[in-house]
């Protein structure tokens, strides 16, 4: 297959290498002309995936129309808040015989759309069967080193889910298929918010007990929220739900957990974000999820407190006390 990856961050680069290793023809699109030149010359993604060699046969381009022209599959790997502005440049593309795959994890501010919904909003002539998503516990730093990883790919059309499954699967990267597009998307998006909560607990000096409680009750919030959108409950017990939640809450690679930890130590959110090169998708998703939950009347106690700590300056200890002293309930 000819595959174009929109976004040369760590994840886009790692997936490009997988597809190349699986004998597909890969074009990696980078929006910054100077950095595209750097990637082409040095064959290393110094900013986002250092010390990993980019194969010579991967084409690197800063011309988006040219990059997608002959692609059988378009992989969107840009941060969620920038996706709309990127794909507006190719909104008239013919998707009759193409698949578009989202590997981003977030909910757009203002529109409150998931990435698959952004696709349908921008690409007026796209059919839902062409849309697929991929998510799961998969840090780019580990995938690029061929560390065994398993993820889930979901689509509205089973054949296209299988296209994704077969295109990416190999001896170190295993893909399971699903039909629950919205569930896989929301699991990947909301786990970032819970990971910020776990990081806040780390930074504030709490222990493993606290983090375990956040993760366990967090997946209940994600499930409750997802089911309001028609997602399947079992999806959140899978790779794109509890699997991704575990790795993002626990890993040293997790940008979202890191943001939470720094805020938990007392830093202001603006300062933390200003010092980061990479994007922590969970910050913007916290805003979107909080707004959606208020509109729908869905109770998300942990996510509500994360919102108040990040954007209203609430003290993490006071936020934790609020969660601990809520009305007592049945676990179900």
C-alpha atoms as a PDB file:
ATOM      1  CA  UNK A   1       0.000   0.000   0.000  1.00  0.00           C
ATOM      2  CA  UNK A   2       0.918   3.653  -0.400  1.00  0.00           C
ATOM      3  CA  UNK A   3       0.501   5.278   3.016  1.00  0.00           C
ATOM      4  CA  UNK A   4       0.725   8.957   3.925  1.00  0.00           C
ATOM      5  CA  UNK A   5       1.206   9.883   7.581  1.00  0.00           C
ATOM      6  CA  UNK A   6       0.145  13.427   8.478  1.00  0.00           C
ATOM      7  CA  UNK A   7       2.312  14.420  11.407  1.00  0.00           C
ATOM      8  CA  UNK A   8       5.964  13.573  12.039  1.00  0.00           C
ATOM      9  CA  UNK A   9       5.838  13.552  15.823  1.00  0.00           C
ATOM     10  CA  UNK A  10       7.090  10.554  17.747  1.00  0.00           C
ATOM     11  CA  UNK A  11       3.958   8.478  17.134  1.00  0.00           C
ATOM     12  CA  UNK A  12       3.699   9.310  13.441  1.00  0.00           C
ATOM     13  CA  UNK A  13       7.370   8.474  12.959  1.00  0.00           C
ATOM     14  CA  UNK A  14       7.127   5.187  14.878  1.00  0.00           C
ATOM     15  CA  UNK A  15       4.082   4.097  12.873  1.00  0.00           C
ATOM     16  CA  UNK A  16       5.812   5.060   9.646  1.00  0.00           C
ATOM     17  CA  UNK A  17       8.708   2.788  10.541  1.00  0.00           C
ATOM     18  CA  UNK A  18       6.294  -0.079  11.318  1.00  0.00           C
ATOM     19  CA  UNK A  19       4.587   0.316   7.940  1.00  0.00           C
ATOM     20  CA  UNK A  20       7.938   0.504   6.169  1.00  0.00           C
ATOM     21  CA  UNK A  21       9.102  -2.661   7.927  1.00  0.00           C
ATOM     22  CA  UNK A  22       5.851  -4.290   6.779  1.00  0.00           C
ATOM     23  CA  UNK A  23       6.795  -3.479   3.152  1.00  0.00           C
ATOM     24  CA  UNK A  24       4.458  -0.542   2.553  1.00  0.00           C
ATOM     25  CA  UNK A  25       5.488   2.634   0.751  1.00  0.00           C
ATOM     26  CA  UNK A  26       5.440   5.444   3.316  1.00  0.00           C
ATOM     27  CA  UNK A  27       5.355   9.227   3.009  1.00  0.00           C
ATOM     28  CA  UNK A  28       5.786  11.186   6.251  1.00  0.00           C
ATOM     29  CA  UNK A  29       4.378  14.729   6.129  1.00  0.00           C
ATOM     30  CA  UNK A  30       5.930  17.444   8.297  1.00  0.00           C
ATOM     31  CA  UNK A  31       4.292  20.899   8.327  1.00  0.00           C
ATOM     32  CA  UNK A  32       7.529  22.808   9.071  1.00  0.00           C
ATOM     33  CA  UNK A  33       9.625  23.106   5.910  1.00  0.00           C
ATOM     34  CA  UNK A  34      12.933  23.537   7.761  1.00  0.00           C
ATOM     35  CA  UNK A  35      12.329  20.561  10.059  1.00  0.00           C
ATOM     36  CA  UNK A  36      11.264  18.434   7.089  1.00  0.00           C
ATOM     37  CA  UNK A  37      14.646  19.249   5.548  1.00  0.00           C
ATOM     38  CA  UNK A  38      16.373  18.275   8.814  1.00  0.00           C
ATOM     39  CA  UNK A  39      14.511  14.952   8.950  1.00  0.00           C
ATOM     40  CA  UNK A  40      15.432  14.267   5.339  1.00  0.00           C
ATOM     41  CA  UNK A  41      19.093  15.089   5.809  1.00  0.00           C
ATOM     42  CA  UNK A  42      19.813  13.440   9.149  1.00  0.00           C
ATOM     43  CA  UNK A  43      17.175  10.681   9.155  1.00  0.00           C
ATOM     44  CA  UNK A  44      16.544  11.166  12.865  1.00  0.00           C
ATOM     45  CA  UNK A  45      13.616  12.841  14.622  1.00  0.00           C
ATOM     46  CA  UNK A  46      15.705  14.765  17.147  1.00  0.00           C
ATOM     47  CA  UNK A  47      12.752  16.525  18.815  1.00  0.00           C
ATOM     48  CA  UNK A  48      10.261  13.698  19.184  1.00  0.00           C
ATOM     49  CA  UNK A  49      11.969  10.321  18.700  1.00  0.00           C
ATOM     50  CA  UNK A  50      15.732  10.702  19.182  1.00  0.00           C
ATOM     51  CA  UNK A  51      18.226   7.918  18.475  1.00  0.00           C
ATOM     52  CA  UNK A  52      15.823   6.087  16.137  1.00  0.00           C
ATOM     53  CA  UNK A  53      16.883   5.809  12.494  1.00  0.00           C
ATOM     54  CA  UNK A  54      14.292   6.763   9.873  1.00  0.00           C
ATOM     55  CA  UNK A  55      14.754   4.401   6.887  1.00  0.00           C
ATOM     56  CA  UNK A  56      15.955   6.045   3.675  1.00  0.00           C
ATOM     57  CA  UNK A  57      12.995   4.706   1.701  1.00  0.00           C
ATOM     58  CA  UNK A  58      10.498   6.668   3.813  1.00  0.00           C
ATOM     59  CA  UNK A  59       9.706   9.820   1.858  1.00  0.00           C
ATOM     60  CA  UNK A  60       9.573  13.008   3.951  1.00  0.00           C
ATOM     61  CA  UNK A  61       7.527  15.888   2.556  1.00  0.00           C
ATOM     62  CA  UNK A  62       6.231  19.306   3.612  1.00  0.00           C
ATOM     63  CA  UNK A  63       3.774  19.535   0.673  1.00  0.00           C
ATOM     64  CA  UNK A  64       0.528  18.030   1.958  1.00  0.00           C
ATOM     65  CA  UNK A  65      -1.330  17.849  -1.378  1.00  0.00           C
ATOM     66  CA  UNK A  66       1.576  16.035  -2.973  1.00  0.00           C
ATOM     67  CA  UNK A  67       1.997  13.741   0.044  1.00  0.00           C
ATOM     68  CA  UNK A  68      -1.594  12.448  -0.010  1.00  0.00           C
ATOM     69  CA  UNK A  69      -2.049  12.385  -3.805  1.00  0.00           C
ATOM     70  CA  UNK A  70      -1.385   8.682  -4.380  1.00  0.00           C
ATOM     71  CA  UNK A  71      -2.075   7.393  -0.864  1.00  0.00           C
ATOM     72  CA  UNK A  72      -4.308   4.350  -0.363  1.00  0.00           C
ATOM     73  CA  UNK A  73      -4.329   5.115   3.364  1.00  0.00           C
ATOM     74  CA  UNK A  74      -4.013   8.461   5.157  1.00  0.00           C
ATOM     75  CA  UNK A  75      -2.898   8.235   8.780  1.00  0.00           C
ATOM     76  CA  UNK A  76      -3.666  11.356  10.831  1.00  0.00           C
ATOM     77  CA  UNK A  77      -1.110  11.637  13.638  1.00  0.00           C
ATOM     78  CA  UNK A  78      -1.253  15.354  14.460  1.00  0.00           C
ATOM     79  CA  UNK A  79      -2.493  16.567  17.865  1.00  0.00           C
ATOM     80  CA  UNK A  80      -6.294  16.751  17.945  1.00  0.00           C
ATOM     81  CA  UNK A  81      -6.516  20.524  18.339  1.00  0.00           C
ATOM     82  CA  UNK A  82      -4.624  21.025  15.041  1.00  0.00           C
ATOM     83  CA  UNK A  83      -6.297  18.332  12.941  1.00  0.00           C
ATOM     84  CA  UNK A  84      -9.061  20.506  11.518  1.00  0.00           C
ATOM     85  CA  UNK A  85      -6.651  23.158  10.226  1.00  0.00           C
ATOM     86  CA  UNK A  86      -4.432  20.468   8.672  1.00  0.00           C
ATOM     87  CA  UNK A  87      -7.099  18.493   6.841  1.00  0.00           C
ATOM     88  CA  UNK A  88      -8.892  21.632   5.610  1.00  0.00           C
ATOM     89  CA  UNK A  89      -6.047  21.732   3.078  1.00  0.00           C
ATOM     90  CA  UNK A  90      -7.179  18.421   1.569  1.00  0.00           C
ATOM     91  CA  UNK A  91     -10.923  18.568   2.254  1.00  0.00           C
ATOM     92  CA  UNK A  92     -11.874  17.943  -1.388  1.00  0.00           C
ATOM     93  CA  UNK A  93      -9.944  14.677  -1.613  1.00  0.00           C
ATOM     94  CA  UNK A  94     -11.751  11.680  -3.129  1.00  0.00           C
ATOM     95  CA  UNK A  95     -12.114   8.929  -0.516  1.00  0.00           C
ATOM     96  CA  UNK A  96     -13.834   6.419  -2.783  1.00  0.00           C
ATOM     97  CA  UNK A  97     -10.940   3.956  -2.600  1.00  0.00           C
ATOM     98  CA  UNK A  98      -9.027   5.289   0.384  1.00  0.00           C
ATOM     99  CA  UNK A  99      -9.017   4.654   4.118  1.00  0.00           C
ATOM    100  CA  UNK A 100      -8.398   7.412   6.662  1.00  0.00           C
ATOM    101  CA  UNK A 101      -7.054   6.405  10.061  1.00  0.00           C
ATOM    102  CA  UNK A 102      -6.932   8.507  13.218  1.00  0.00           C
ATOM    103  CA  UNK A 103      -4.171   7.675  15.697  1.00  0.00           C
ATOM    104  CA  UNK A 104      -4.684  10.881  17.722  1.00  0.00           C
ATOM    105  CA  UNK A 105      -6.275  10.855  21.177  1.00  0.00           C
ATOM    106  CA  UNK A 106      -8.395  13.834  22.099  1.00  0.00           C
ATOM    107  CA  UNK A 107     -11.644  15.788  21.889  1.00  0.00           C
ATOM    108  CA  UNK A 108     -11.615  19.080  19.992  1.00  0.00           C
ATOM    109  CA  UNK A 109     -12.265  22.231  21.994  1.00  0.00           C
ATOM    110  CA  UNK A 110     -15.341  24.297  21.091  1.00  0.00           C
ATOM    111  CA  UNK A 111     -16.818  21.768  18.625  1.00  0.00           C
ATOM    112  CA  UNK A 112     -16.507  18.990  21.261  1.00  0.00           C
ATOM    113  CA  UNK A 113     -15.921  16.456  18.463  1.00  0.00           C
ATOM    114  CA  UNK A 114     -13.807  13.327  18.446  1.00  0.00           C
ATOM    115  CA  UNK A 115     -11.394  12.947  15.517  1.00  0.00           C
ATOM    116  CA  UNK A 116     -13.707  10.675  13.522  1.00  0.00           C
ATOM    117  CA  UNK A 117     -16.416  13.324  13.886  1.00  0.00           C
ATOM    118  CA  UNK A 118     -13.993  16.014  12.696  1.00  0.00           C
ATOM    119  CA  UNK A 119     -13.341  13.887   9.597  1.00  0.00           C
ATOM    120  CA  UNK A 120     -17.059  13.741   8.853  1.00  0.00           C
ATOM    121  CA  UNK A 121     -17.409  17.462   9.455  1.00  0.00           C
ATOM    122  CA  UNK A 122     -14.549  18.516   7.170  1.00  0.00           C
ATOM    123  CA  UNK A 123     -14.664  15.874   4.430  1.00  0.00           C
ATOM    124  CA  UNK A 124     -18.176  16.485   3.114  1.00  0.00           C
ATOM    125  CA  UNK A 125     -17.995  13.631   0.600  1.00  0.00           C
ATOM    126  CA  UNK A 126     -16.529  10.993   2.910  1.00  0.00           C
ATOM    127  CA  UNK A 127     -18.448   7.826   3.770  1.00  0.00           C
ATOM    128  CA  UNK A 128     -18.295   6.537   7.343  1.00  0.00           C
ATOM    129  CA  UNK A 129     -17.017   3.187   6.099  1.00  0.00           C
ATOM    130  CA  UNK A 130     -13.738   4.889   5.088  1.00  0.00           C
ATOM    131  CA  UNK A 131     -13.065   6.060   8.672  1.00  0.00           C
ATOM    132  CA  UNK A 132     -10.978   4.023  11.113  1.00  0.00           C
ATOM    133  CA  UNK A 133      -9.236   4.670  14.435  1.00  0.00           C
ATOM    134  CA  UNK A 134      -6.349   3.026  16.266  1.00  0.00           C
ATOM    135  CA  UNK A 135      -5.627   3.284  19.976  1.00  0.00           C
ATOM    136  CA  UNK A 136      -4.134   1.380  22.890  1.00  0.00           C
ATOM    137  CA  UNK A 137      -1.144   1.234  25.278  1.00  0.00           C
ATOM    138  CA  UNK A 138       1.573   2.217  22.836  1.00  0.00           C
ATOM    139  CA  UNK A 139       4.306   4.689  23.711  1.00  0.00           C
ATOM    140  CA  UNK A 140       6.201   5.611  20.540  1.00  0.00           C
ATOM    141  CA  UNK A 141       9.521   5.345  22.369  1.00  0.00           C
ATOM    142  CA  UNK A 142       8.914   1.626  22.995  1.00  0.00           C
ATOM    143  CA  UNK A 143       7.255   0.787  19.676  1.00  0.00           C
ATOM    144  CA  UNK A 144      10.223   2.278  17.809  1.00  0.00           C
ATOM    145  CA  UNK A 145      12.495  -0.126  19.723  1.00  0.00           C
ATOM    146  CA  UNK A 146      10.334  -3.122  18.696  1.00  0.00           C
ATOM    147  CA  UNK A 147       9.092  -3.708  22.237  1.00  0.00           C
ATOM    148  CA  UNK A 148       6.016  -5.997  21.992  1.00  0.00           C
ATOM    149  CA  UNK A 149       2.834  -3.890  21.884  1.00  0.00           C
ATOM    150  CA  UNK A 150      -0.876  -4.586  21.354  1.00  0.00           C
ATOM    151  CA  UNK A 151      -3.522  -2.066  20.251  1.00  0.00           C
ATOM    152  CA  UNK A 152      -7.083  -1.967  18.914  1.00  0.00           C
ATOM    153  CA  UNK A 153      -8.257  -0.758  15.494  1.00  0.00           C
ATOM    154  CA  UNK A 154     -11.916   0.104  15.012  1.00  0.00           C
ATOM    155  CA  UNK A 155     -13.932   0.973  11.932  1.00  0.00           C
ATOM    156  CA  UNK A 156     -17.504   1.320  10.761  1.00  0.00           C
ATOM    157  CA  UNK A 157     -16.740  -1.259   8.053  1.00  0.00           C
ATOM    158  CA  UNK A 158     -15.230  -4.591   9.085  1.00  0.00           C
ATOM    159  CA  UNK A 159     -13.210  -4.883   5.883  1.00  0.00           C
ATOM    160  CA  UNK A 160     -11.446  -1.608   6.551  1.00  0.00           C
ATOM    161  CA  UNK A 161     -10.793  -2.587  10.163  1.00  0.00           C
ATOM    162  CA  UNK A 162      -9.077  -5.677   8.767  1.00  0.00           C
ATOM    163  CA  UNK A 163      -7.084  -3.513   6.333  1.00  0.00           C
ATOM    164  CA  UNK A 164      -5.661  -1.593   9.303  1.00  0.00           C
ATOM    165  CA  UNK A 165      -5.123  -4.771  11.306  1.00  0.00           C
ATOM    166  CA  UNK A 166      -3.138  -6.454   8.525  1.00  0.00           C
ATOM    167  CA  UNK A 167      -1.217  -3.339   7.494  1.00  0.00           C
ATOM    168  CA  UNK A 168       0.265  -2.722  10.949  1.00  0.00           C
ATOM    169  CA  UNK A 169       0.549  -6.173  12.540  1.00  0.00           C
ATOM    170  CA  UNK A 170       3.924  -7.865  12.790  1.00  0.00           C
ATOM    171  CA  UNK A 171       6.004  -9.805  15.312  1.00  0.00           C
ATOM    172  CA  UNK A 172       6.271  -6.866  17.737  1.00  0.00           C
ATOM    173  CA  UNK A 173       3.071  -4.908  17.004  1.00  0.00           C
ATOM    174  CA  UNK A 174      -0.236  -6.774  17.323  1.00  0.00           C
ATOM    175  CA  UNK A 175      -3.562  -5.217  16.288  1.00  0.00           C
ATOM    176  CA  UNK A 176      -6.981  -6.431  17.450  1.00  0.00           C
ATOM    177  CA  UNK A 177     -10.043  -5.274  15.510  1.00  0.00           C
ATOM    178  CA  UNK A 178     -13.216  -3.684  16.847  1.00  0.00           C
ATOM    179  CA  UNK A 179     -16.435  -2.159  15.537  1.00  0.00           C
ATOM    180  CA  UNK A 180     -16.735   0.362  18.397  1.00  0.00           C
ATOM    181  CA  UNK A 181     -15.235   3.502  16.853  1.00  0.00           C
ATOM    182  CA  UNK A 182     -16.541   5.977  19.442  1.00  0.00           C
ATOM    183  CA  UNK A 183     -15.594   3.678  22.345  1.00  0.00           C
ATOM    184  CA  UNK A 184     -12.012   3.247  21.126  1.00  0.00           C
ATOM    185  CA  UNK A 185     -11.728   7.003  20.566  1.00  0.00           C
ATOM    186  CA  UNK A 186     -13.140   8.036  23.939  1.00  0.00           C
ATOM    187  CA  UNK A 187     -11.059   5.467  25.805  1.00  0.00           C
ATOM    188  CA  UNK A 188      -7.913   6.913  24.247  1.00  0.00           C
ATOM    189  CA  UNK A 189      -8.944  10.511  24.851  1.00  0.00           C
ATOM    190  CA  UNK A 190     -10.238  10.354  28.425  1.00  0.00           C
ATOM    191  CA  UNK A 191      -7.475   8.162  29.808  1.00  0.00           C
ATOM    192  CA  UNK A 192      -5.189  11.164  29.288  1.00  0.00           C
ATOM    193  CA  UNK A 193      -7.302  13.187  31.715  1.00  0.00           C
ATOM    194  CA  UNK A 194      -7.159  10.412  34.323  1.00  0.00           C
ATOM    195  CA  UNK A 195      -3.399  10.180  33.765  1.00  0.00           C
ATOM    196  CA  UNK A 196      -3.131  13.866  34.658  1.00  0.00           C
ATOM    197  CA  UNK A 197      -5.003  13.029  37.875  1.00  0.00           C
ATOM    198  CA  UNK A 198      -2.536  10.219  38.588  1.00  0.00           C
ATOM    199  CA  UNK A 199       0.346  12.609  37.984  1.00  0.00           C
ATOM    200  CA  UNK A 200      -1.177  15.201  40.303  1.00  0.00           C
ATOM    201  CA  UNK A 201      -1.333  12.515  43.005  1.00  0.00           C
ATOM    202  CA  UNK A 202       2.349  11.709  42.414  1.00  0.00           C
ATOM    203  CA  UNK A 203       3.372  15.344  42.551  1.00  0.00           C
ATOM    204  CA  UNK A 204       1.316  16.019  45.665  1.00  0.00           C
ATOM    205  CA  UNK A 205       3.107  13.213  47.478  1.00  0.00           C
ATOM    206  CA  UNK A 206       0.330  10.635  47.678  1.00  0.00           C
ATOM    207  CA  UNK A 207       1.025   6.915  47.317  1.00  0.00           C
ATOM    208  CA  UNK A 208       0.299   3.819  45.260  1.00  0.00           C
ATOM    209  CA  UNK A 209      -3.034   3.345  47.015  1.00  0.00           C
ATOM    210  CA  UNK A 210      -4.170   6.740  45.760  1.00  0.00           C
ATOM    211  CA  UNK A 211      -3.075   6.101  42.189  1.00  0.00           C
ATOM    212  CA  UNK A 212      -4.784   2.696  42.146  1.00  0.00           C
ATOM    213  CA  UNK A 213      -8.015   4.306  43.344  1.00  0.00           C
ATOM    214  CA  UNK A 214      -7.766   7.012  40.670  1.00  0.00           C
ATOM    215  CA  UNK A 215      -7.228   4.429  37.913  1.00  0.00           C
ATOM    216  CA  UNK A 216     -10.028   2.131  39.096  1.00  0.00           C
ATOM    217  CA  UNK A 217     -12.611   4.856  39.603  1.00  0.00           C
ATOM    218  CA  UNK A 218     -11.289   6.626  36.522  1.00  0.00           C
ATOM    219  CA  UNK A 219     -12.156   3.769  34.196  1.00  0.00           C
ATOM    220  CA  UNK A 220     -15.684   3.826  35.663  1.00  0.00           C
ATOM    221  CA  UNK A 221     -15.971   7.504  34.720  1.00  0.00           C
ATOM    222  CA  UNK A 222     -14.653   6.832  31.216  1.00  0.00           C
ATOM    223  CA  UNK A 223     -17.105   3.947  30.781  1.00  0.00           C
ATOM    224  CA  UNK A 224     -20.065   5.971  32.080  1.00  0.00           C
ATOM    225  CA  UNK A 225     -19.214   8.824  29.745  1.00  0.00           C
ATOM    226  CA  UNK A 226     -18.625   6.564  26.729  1.00  0.00           C
ATOM    227  CA  UNK A 227     -21.871   4.673  27.108  1.00  0.00           C
ATOM    228  CA  UNK A 228     -23.770   7.948  26.872  1.00  0.00           C
ATOM    229  CA  UNK A 229     -22.428   8.138  23.319  1.00  0.00           C
ATOM    230  CA  UNK A 230     -23.426   4.579  22.467  1.00  0.00           C
ATOM    231  CA  UNK A 231     -20.051   2.962  23.118  1.00  0.00           C
ATOM    232  CA  UNK A 232     -19.887  -0.654  24.285  1.00  0.00           C
ATOM    233  CA  UNK A 233     -19.020  -1.259  27.932  1.00  0.00           C
ATOM    234  CA  UNK A 234     -16.605  -4.094  27.110  1.00  0.00           C
ATOM    235  CA  UNK A 235     -14.463  -1.747  24.968  1.00  0.00           C
ATOM    236  CA  UNK A 236     -13.328   0.068  28.108  1.00  0.00           C
ATOM    237  CA  UNK A 237     -12.140  -3.203  29.642  1.00  0.00           C
ATOM    238  CA  UNK A 238      -9.900  -3.729  26.616  1.00  0.00           C
ATOM    239  CA  UNK A 239      -6.674  -2.334  25.179  1.00  0.00           C
ATOM    240  CA  UNK A 240      -8.050   1.090  24.255  1.00  0.00           C
ATOM    241  CA  UNK A 241      -9.637   1.449  27.701  1.00  0.00           C
ATOM    242  CA  UNK A 242      -8.039  -0.021  30.805  1.00  0.00           C
ATOM    243  CA  UNK A 243      -4.916  -1.034  28.854  1.00  0.00           C
ATOM    244  CA  UNK A 244      -4.125   2.476  27.699  1.00  0.00           C
ATOM    245  CA  UNK A 245      -5.138   3.891  31.076  1.00  0.00           C
ATOM    246  CA  UNK A 246      -2.642   1.692  32.935  1.00  0.00           C
ATOM    247  CA  UNK A 247       0.329   2.592  30.761  1.00  0.00           C
ATOM    248  CA  UNK A 248      -0.461   6.316  30.665  1.00  0.00           C
ATOM    249  CA  UNK A 249      -0.941   6.591  34.426  1.00  0.00           C
ATOM    250  CA  UNK A 250       2.186   4.600  35.254  1.00  0.00           C
ATOM    251  CA  UNK A 251       4.798   5.249  32.583  1.00  0.00           C
ATOM    252  CA  UNK A 252       7.812   7.550  32.654  1.00  0.00           C
ATOM    253  CA  UNK A 253       7.069   8.244  28.967  1.00  0.00           C
ATOM    254  CA  UNK A 254       3.601   9.679  29.697  1.00  0.00           C
ATOM    255  CA  UNK A 255       3.392  13.398  28.903  1.00  0.00           C
ATOM    256  CA  UNK A 256      -0.011  13.693  30.554  1.00  0.00           C
ATOM    257  CA  UNK A 257       1.132  12.069  33.789  1.00  0.00           C
ATOM    258  CA  UNK A 258       4.155  14.396  33.727  1.00  0.00           C
ATOM    259  CA  UNK A 259       1.972  17.501  33.396  1.00  0.00           C
ATOM    260  CA  UNK A 260      -0.098  16.363  36.363  1.00  0.00           C
ATOM    261  CA  UNK A 261       2.995  15.637  38.442  1.00  0.00           C
ATOM    262  CA  UNK A 262       4.453  19.098  37.827  1.00  0.00           C
ATOM    263  CA  UNK A 263       1.140  20.765  38.697  1.00  0.00           C
ATOM    264  CA  UNK A 264       0.874  18.556  41.784  1.00  0.00           C
ATOM    265  CA  UNK A 265       4.277  19.868  42.884  1.00  0.00           C
ATOM    266  CA  UNK A 266       2.936  23.411  42.742  1.00  0.00           C
ATOM    267  CA  UNK A 267       3.801  24.663  39.254  1.00  0.00           C
ATOM    268  CA  UNK A 268       1.248  26.619  37.226  1.00  0.00           C
ATOM    269  CA  UNK A 269      -0.144  24.866  34.158  1.00  0.00           C
ATOM    270  CA  UNK A 270       1.037  27.608  31.763  1.00  0.00           C
ATOM    271  CA  UNK A 271       4.596  27.256  33.037  1.00  0.00           C
ATOM    272  CA  UNK A 272       4.572  23.478  32.655  1.00  0.00           C
ATOM    273  CA  UNK A 273       3.240  23.624  29.082  1.00  0.00           C
ATOM    274  CA  UNK A 274       5.680  26.385  28.111  1.00  0.00           C
ATOM    275  CA  UNK A 275       8.604  24.175  29.142  1.00  0.00           C
ATOM    276  CA  UNK A 276       7.393  21.172  27.083  1.00  0.00           C
ATOM    277  CA  UNK A 277       8.253  20.469  23.437  1.00  0.00           C
ATOM    278  CA  UNK A 278       5.628  17.740  23.018  1.00  0.00           C
ATOM    279  CA  UNK A 279       1.851  18.133  23.309  1.00  0.00           C
ATOM    280  CA  UNK A 280      -0.043  16.663  26.270  1.00  0.00           C
ATOM    281  CA  UNK A 281      -3.436  15.997  24.657  1.00  0.00           C
ATOM    282  CA  UNK A 282      -5.158  15.508  28.011  1.00  0.00           C
ATOM    283  CA  UNK A 283      -5.019  19.210  28.914  1.00  0.00           C
ATOM    284  CA  UNK A 284      -7.310  20.370  26.101  1.00  0.00           C
ATOM    285  CA  UNK A 285      -9.386  17.194  26.424  1.00  0.00           C
ATOM    286  CA  UNK A 286     -10.029  18.032  30.093  1.00  0.00           C
ATOM    287  CA  UNK A 287     -11.734  21.248  28.978  1.00  0.00           C
ATOM    288  CA  UNK A 288     -13.783  19.517  26.276  1.00  0.00           C
ATOM    289  CA  UNK A 289     -14.832  16.625  28.506  1.00  0.00           C
ATOM    290  CA  UNK A 290     -15.815  18.930  31.370  1.00  0.00           C
ATOM    291  CA  UNK A 291     -17.981  20.973  29.002  1.00  0.00           C
ATOM    292  CA  UNK A 292     -19.588  17.872  27.482  1.00  0.00           C
ATOM    293  CA  UNK A 293     -20.267  16.330  30.894  1.00  0.00           C
ATOM    294  CA  UNK A 294     -21.996  19.512  32.044  1.00  0.00           C
ATOM    295  CA  UNK A 295     -24.175  19.590  28.925  1.00  0.00           C
ATOM    296  CA  UNK A 296     -25.123  15.922  29.235  1.00  0.00           C
ATOM    297  CA  UNK A 297     -25.442  15.834  33.012  1.00  0.00           C
ATOM    298  CA  UNK A 298     -22.880  13.021  33.336  1.00  0.00           C
ATOM    299  CA  UNK A 299     -21.185  12.756  36.733  1.00  0.00           C
ATOM    300  CA  UNK A 300     -17.381  12.663  36.378  1.00  0.00           C
ATOM    301  CA  UNK A 301     -15.981  13.502  39.837  1.00  0.00           C
ATOM    302  CA  UNK A 302     -12.280  12.889  39.112  1.00  0.00           C
ATOM    303  CA  UNK A 303     -12.331  14.700  35.778  1.00  0.00           C
ATOM    304  CA  UNK A 304     -14.204  17.610  37.379  1.00  0.00           C
ATOM    305  CA  UNK A 305     -11.477  17.988  40.016  1.00  0.00           C
ATOM    306  CA  UNK A 306      -8.726  17.748  37.391  1.00  0.00           C
ATOM    307  CA  UNK A 307     -10.442  20.591  35.532  1.00  0.00           C
ATOM    308  CA  UNK A 308     -10.563  22.710  38.689  1.00  0.00           C
ATOM    309  CA  UNK A 309      -6.909  22.056  39.538  1.00  0.00           C
ATOM    310  CA  UNK A 310      -5.661  22.813  36.007  1.00  0.00           C
ATOM    311  CA  UNK A 311      -7.851  25.759  35.053  1.00  0.00           C
ATOM    312  CA  UNK A 312      -9.191  27.222  38.289  1.00  0.00           C
ATOM    313  CA  UNK A 313      -6.060  26.841  40.393  1.00  0.00           C
ATOM    314  CA  UNK A 314      -7.614  24.548  43.015  1.00  0.00           C
ATOM    315  CA  UNK A 315      -5.181  23.048  45.499  1.00  0.00           C
ATOM    316  CA  UNK A 316      -4.611  19.313  44.716  1.00  0.00           C
ATOM    317  CA  UNK A 317      -5.013  18.374  48.389  1.00  0.00           C
ATOM    318  CA  UNK A 318      -8.376  20.141  48.565  1.00  0.00           C
ATOM    319  CA  UNK A 319      -9.435  18.435  45.316  1.00  0.00           C
ATOM    320  CA  UNK A 320      -8.493  15.042  46.752  1.00  0.00           C
ATOM    321  CA  UNK A 321     -10.352  15.742  49.985  1.00  0.00           C
ATOM    322  CA  UNK A 322     -13.436  16.655  47.947  1.00  0.00           C
ATOM    323  CA  UNK A 323     -13.296  13.272  46.183  1.00  0.00           C
ATOM    324  CA  UNK A 324     -12.721  11.353  49.417  1.00  0.00           C
ATOM    325  CA  UNK A 325     -15.608  12.973  51.290  1.00  0.00           C
ATOM    326  CA  UNK A 326     -18.314  12.653  48.642  1.00  0.00           C
ATOM    327  CA  UNK A 327     -21.508  10.832  49.622  1.00  0.00           C
ATOM    328  CA  UNK A 328     -20.807   7.156  50.201  1.00  0.00           C
ATOM    329  CA  UNK A 329     -21.998   4.847  47.434  1.00  0.00           C
ATOM    330  CA  UNK A 330     -22.281   1.276  46.194  1.00  0.00           C
ATOM    331  CA  UNK A 331     -19.269   0.416  44.038  1.00  0.00           C
ATOM    332  CA  UNK A 332     -21.514  -0.581  41.111  1.00  0.00           C
END
